[in-house]
N, C-alpha and C. Protein backbone atom coordinates (compact mmCIF):
# COMPACT_ATOMS: atom_id res chain seq x y z
N MET A 1 113.63 -32.29 -104.40
CA MET A 1 112.38 -32.92 -104.07
C MET A 1 112.45 -34.39 -104.48
N VAL A 2 111.85 -35.26 -103.69
CA VAL A 2 111.83 -36.69 -103.96
C VAL A 2 110.83 -36.98 -105.05
N SER A 3 111.24 -37.82 -105.99
CA SER A 3 110.34 -38.19 -107.08
C SER A 3 109.25 -39.13 -106.56
N THR A 4 108.00 -38.80 -106.87
CA THR A 4 106.90 -39.66 -106.43
C THR A 4 106.77 -40.89 -107.33
N ASN A 5 107.52 -40.94 -108.41
CA ASN A 5 107.49 -42.13 -109.26
C ASN A 5 108.08 -43.34 -108.56
N LEU A 6 109.00 -43.10 -107.61
CA LEU A 6 109.61 -44.20 -106.86
C LEU A 6 108.65 -44.78 -105.85
N PHE A 7 107.73 -43.97 -105.36
CA PHE A 7 106.77 -44.38 -104.35
C PHE A 7 105.36 -44.17 -104.91
N PRO A 8 104.73 -45.23 -105.41
CA PRO A 8 103.42 -45.06 -106.05
C PRO A 8 102.32 -44.56 -105.12
N LEU A 9 102.43 -44.81 -103.84
CA LEU A 9 101.40 -44.36 -102.91
C LEU A 9 101.94 -43.21 -102.06
N THR A 10 102.17 -42.07 -102.71
CA THR A 10 102.70 -40.90 -102.02
C THR A 10 101.79 -39.71 -102.28
N LYS A 11 101.92 -38.73 -101.42
CA LYS A 11 101.14 -37.51 -101.57
C LYS A 11 101.92 -36.37 -100.92
N HIS A 12 101.97 -35.24 -101.61
CA HIS A 12 102.60 -34.07 -101.03
C HIS A 12 101.57 -33.32 -100.20
N ILE A 13 101.88 -33.08 -98.95
CA ILE A 13 101.04 -32.26 -98.08
C ILE A 13 101.92 -31.08 -97.68
N GLY A 14 101.66 -29.96 -98.32
CA GLY A 14 102.54 -28.80 -98.14
C GLY A 14 103.90 -29.15 -98.69
N SER A 15 104.93 -28.97 -97.87
CA SER A 15 106.28 -29.30 -98.31
C SER A 15 106.71 -30.68 -97.82
N VAL A 16 105.77 -31.45 -97.23
CA VAL A 16 106.09 -32.77 -96.68
C VAL A 16 105.58 -33.85 -97.64
N LEU A 17 106.45 -34.81 -97.91
CA LEU A 17 106.08 -35.94 -98.75
C LEU A 17 105.64 -37.07 -97.83
N CYS A 18 104.41 -37.51 -97.94
CA CYS A 18 103.90 -38.61 -97.12
C CYS A 18 103.90 -39.89 -97.94
N VAL A 19 104.46 -40.93 -97.39
CA VAL A 19 104.49 -42.23 -98.06
C VAL A 19 103.49 -43.12 -97.33
N PHE A 20 102.52 -43.65 -98.07
CA PHE A 20 101.50 -44.50 -97.48
C PHE A 20 101.91 -45.96 -97.67
N ASN A 21 101.94 -46.67 -96.57
CA ASN A 21 102.37 -48.05 -96.59
C ASN A 21 101.14 -48.96 -96.60
N THR A 22 101.05 -49.81 -97.60
CA THR A 22 99.96 -50.78 -97.63
C THR A 22 100.55 -52.17 -97.60
N HIS A 23 99.86 -53.06 -96.93
CA HIS A 23 100.31 -54.44 -96.84
C HIS A 23 99.34 -55.30 -97.65
N ARG A 24 99.85 -55.90 -98.67
CA ARG A 24 99.02 -56.78 -99.48
C ARG A 24 99.60 -58.18 -99.39
N ARG A 25 98.80 -59.08 -98.87
CA ARG A 25 99.21 -60.47 -98.73
C ARG A 25 98.16 -61.35 -99.39
N VAL A 26 98.62 -62.42 -99.97
CA VAL A 26 97.70 -63.38 -100.57
C VAL A 26 97.42 -64.45 -99.52
N ILE A 27 96.15 -64.59 -99.16
CA ILE A 27 95.74 -65.56 -98.16
C ILE A 27 94.76 -66.52 -98.82
N ASN A 28 94.93 -67.78 -98.57
CA ASN A 28 94.08 -68.82 -99.14
C ASN A 28 92.62 -68.55 -98.77
N ASP A 29 91.76 -68.43 -99.78
CA ASP A 29 90.34 -68.13 -99.55
C ASP A 29 89.63 -69.22 -98.77
N ASP A 30 89.95 -70.48 -99.04
CA ASP A 30 89.32 -71.58 -98.31
C ASP A 30 89.70 -71.54 -96.83
N LEU A 31 90.96 -71.22 -96.56
CA LEU A 31 91.43 -71.12 -95.19
C LEU A 31 90.75 -69.95 -94.46
N LEU A 32 90.61 -68.83 -95.16
CA LEU A 32 89.90 -67.70 -94.58
C LEU A 32 88.45 -68.05 -94.25
N GLU A 33 87.79 -68.71 -95.18
CA GLU A 33 86.40 -69.09 -94.98
C GLU A 33 86.25 -70.02 -93.77
N GLU A 34 87.17 -70.98 -93.66
CA GLU A 34 87.12 -71.90 -92.52
C GLU A 34 87.39 -71.17 -91.21
N ALA A 35 88.35 -70.24 -91.22
CA ALA A 35 88.67 -69.48 -90.03
C ALA A 35 87.48 -68.62 -89.60
N PHE A 36 86.80 -68.01 -90.56
CA PHE A 36 85.62 -67.21 -90.23
C PHE A 36 84.52 -68.09 -89.63
N SER A 37 84.43 -69.34 -90.06
CA SER A 37 83.36 -70.22 -89.57
C SER A 37 83.55 -70.61 -88.11
N VAL A 38 84.78 -70.55 -87.60
CA VAL A 38 85.04 -70.91 -86.20
C VAL A 38 85.35 -69.71 -85.33
N SER A 39 85.24 -68.53 -85.88
CA SER A 39 85.55 -67.30 -85.16
C SER A 39 84.34 -66.39 -85.12
N LYS A 40 84.34 -65.49 -84.14
CA LYS A 40 83.29 -64.47 -84.08
C LYS A 40 83.71 -63.21 -84.83
N SER A 41 84.93 -63.20 -85.32
CA SER A 41 85.43 -62.04 -86.08
C SER A 41 84.64 -61.89 -87.36
N ARG A 42 84.42 -60.63 -87.76
CA ARG A 42 83.65 -60.37 -88.98
C ARG A 42 84.47 -59.65 -90.05
N THR A 43 85.67 -59.21 -89.70
CA THR A 43 86.53 -58.58 -90.70
C THR A 43 87.84 -59.37 -90.80
N LYS A 44 88.49 -59.26 -91.94
CA LYS A 44 89.77 -59.94 -92.13
C LYS A 44 90.80 -59.44 -91.12
N LYS A 45 90.80 -58.14 -90.88
CA LYS A 45 91.75 -57.56 -89.94
C LYS A 45 91.56 -58.16 -88.55
N ASP A 46 90.30 -58.21 -88.07
CA ASP A 46 90.03 -58.77 -86.75
C ASP A 46 90.39 -60.25 -86.70
N LEU A 47 90.10 -60.96 -87.77
CA LEU A 47 90.40 -62.38 -87.84
C LEU A 47 91.91 -62.62 -87.75
N ILE A 48 92.68 -61.84 -88.48
CA ILE A 48 94.14 -61.99 -88.46
C ILE A 48 94.69 -61.65 -87.09
N HIS A 49 94.17 -60.60 -86.45
CA HIS A 49 94.62 -60.25 -85.10
C HIS A 49 94.31 -61.37 -84.11
N GLU A 50 93.10 -61.93 -84.22
CA GLU A 50 92.72 -63.04 -83.34
C GLU A 50 93.64 -64.24 -83.56
N ALA A 51 93.91 -64.55 -84.80
CA ALA A 51 94.78 -65.69 -85.13
C ALA A 51 96.19 -65.47 -84.59
N LEU A 52 96.69 -64.26 -84.69
CA LEU A 52 98.04 -63.97 -84.18
C LEU A 52 98.09 -64.07 -82.65
N ARG A 53 97.02 -63.58 -81.97
CA ARG A 53 96.98 -63.70 -80.51
C ARG A 53 96.98 -65.18 -80.10
N GLU A 54 96.16 -65.99 -80.76
CA GLU A 54 96.10 -67.42 -80.47
C GLU A 54 97.45 -68.09 -80.73
N PHE A 55 98.09 -67.73 -81.82
CA PHE A 55 99.39 -68.30 -82.17
C PHE A 55 100.43 -68.00 -81.09
N VAL A 56 100.45 -66.76 -80.63
CA VAL A 56 101.41 -66.37 -79.59
C VAL A 56 101.12 -67.12 -78.29
N LEU A 57 99.85 -67.24 -77.90
CA LEU A 57 99.50 -67.98 -76.68
C LEU A 57 99.95 -69.44 -76.77
N ILE A 58 99.71 -70.06 -77.90
CA ILE A 58 100.10 -71.46 -78.07
C ILE A 58 101.62 -71.61 -77.98
N LYS A 59 102.34 -70.72 -78.61
CA LYS A 59 103.80 -70.81 -78.61
C LYS A 59 104.39 -70.55 -77.23
N LYS A 60 103.69 -69.76 -76.40
CA LYS A 60 104.20 -69.44 -75.06
C LYS A 60 103.89 -70.51 -74.02
N ARG A 61 102.95 -71.40 -74.34
CA ARG A 61 102.61 -72.45 -73.38
C ARG A 61 103.81 -73.32 -73.09
N LYS A 62 103.93 -73.69 -71.85
CA LYS A 62 105.04 -74.54 -71.43
C LYS A 62 104.84 -75.95 -71.97
N ASP A 63 105.84 -76.48 -72.59
CA ASP A 63 105.79 -77.84 -73.08
C ASP A 63 105.91 -78.77 -71.87
N LEU A 64 104.90 -79.63 -71.67
CA LEU A 64 104.89 -80.51 -70.50
C LEU A 64 106.07 -81.47 -70.47
N THR A 65 106.61 -81.79 -71.62
CA THR A 65 107.77 -82.69 -71.63
C THR A 65 108.99 -82.03 -71.01
N GLU A 66 109.01 -80.71 -70.98
CA GLU A 66 110.12 -80.01 -70.34
C GLU A 66 110.08 -80.17 -68.82
N LEU A 67 108.90 -80.48 -68.28
CA LEU A 67 108.74 -80.63 -66.84
C LEU A 67 109.07 -82.03 -66.35
N ALA A 68 109.29 -82.96 -67.26
CA ALA A 68 109.55 -84.35 -66.87
C ALA A 68 110.73 -84.43 -65.91
N GLY A 69 110.50 -85.08 -64.77
CA GLY A 69 111.56 -85.26 -63.78
C GLY A 69 111.76 -84.08 -62.85
N THR A 70 111.01 -83.00 -63.01
CA THR A 70 111.20 -81.83 -62.16
C THR A 70 110.17 -81.73 -61.04
N ILE A 71 109.13 -82.57 -61.09
CA ILE A 71 108.08 -82.53 -60.07
C ILE A 71 108.34 -83.66 -59.08
N GLN A 72 108.35 -83.31 -57.79
CA GLN A 72 108.56 -84.31 -56.74
C GLN A 72 107.32 -84.37 -55.87
N PHE A 73 106.80 -85.57 -55.67
CA PHE A 73 105.62 -85.77 -54.85
C PHE A 73 106.02 -86.12 -53.42
N HIS A 74 105.13 -85.84 -52.47
CA HIS A 74 105.37 -86.21 -51.08
C HIS A 74 105.40 -87.72 -50.94
N LYS A 75 106.18 -88.17 -50.00
CA LYS A 75 106.25 -89.60 -49.74
C LYS A 75 104.86 -90.08 -49.30
N GLY A 76 104.40 -91.15 -49.86
CA GLY A 76 103.08 -91.68 -49.52
C GLY A 76 101.95 -91.10 -50.36
N PHE A 77 102.26 -90.23 -51.30
CA PHE A 77 101.22 -89.64 -52.18
C PHE A 77 100.65 -90.74 -53.07
N ASP A 78 99.32 -90.84 -53.11
CA ASP A 78 98.66 -91.87 -53.91
C ASP A 78 97.71 -91.21 -54.90
N HIS A 79 98.14 -91.10 -56.13
CA HIS A 79 97.31 -90.45 -57.15
C HIS A 79 96.05 -91.24 -57.45
N LYS A 80 96.09 -92.55 -57.28
CA LYS A 80 94.92 -93.38 -57.53
C LYS A 80 93.84 -93.13 -56.48
N GLN A 81 94.24 -92.85 -55.27
CA GLN A 81 93.29 -92.55 -54.21
C GLN A 81 92.51 -91.26 -54.52
N LEU A 82 93.16 -90.29 -55.14
CA LEU A 82 92.50 -89.04 -55.49
C LEU A 82 91.38 -89.25 -56.51
N ARG A 83 91.53 -90.24 -57.36
CA ARG A 83 90.50 -90.54 -58.36
C ARG A 83 89.20 -91.02 -57.71
N LYS A 84 89.30 -91.61 -56.55
CA LYS A 84 88.12 -92.16 -55.87
C LYS A 84 87.32 -91.09 -55.14
N ILE A 85 87.91 -89.95 -54.89
CA ILE A 85 87.23 -88.88 -54.18
C ILE A 85 86.17 -88.26 -55.07
N LYS A 86 84.93 -88.22 -54.58
CA LYS A 86 83.84 -87.61 -55.36
C LYS A 86 83.90 -86.11 -55.19
N ARG A 87 83.64 -85.42 -56.24
CA ARG A 87 83.67 -83.95 -56.20
C ARG A 87 82.30 -83.39 -56.29
């Protein structure tokens, strides 16, 4: 039998040893407070999930500098003329 002293968060259920995994991270309280002030999230878990989704979206965005020189306009295209068109 596995010693439960090695795993402080364990429990025997019948003949099965269950190990409970907890994640404890230290997060700056001021940063959390500021994040809550700009988010609709009300729990730390929801806030962290929202922050991770935003982080992934930002990292996936195409860097516009990578597109430099890859766009070709039609001959006679006048971008200044488009500014004069009322919408």
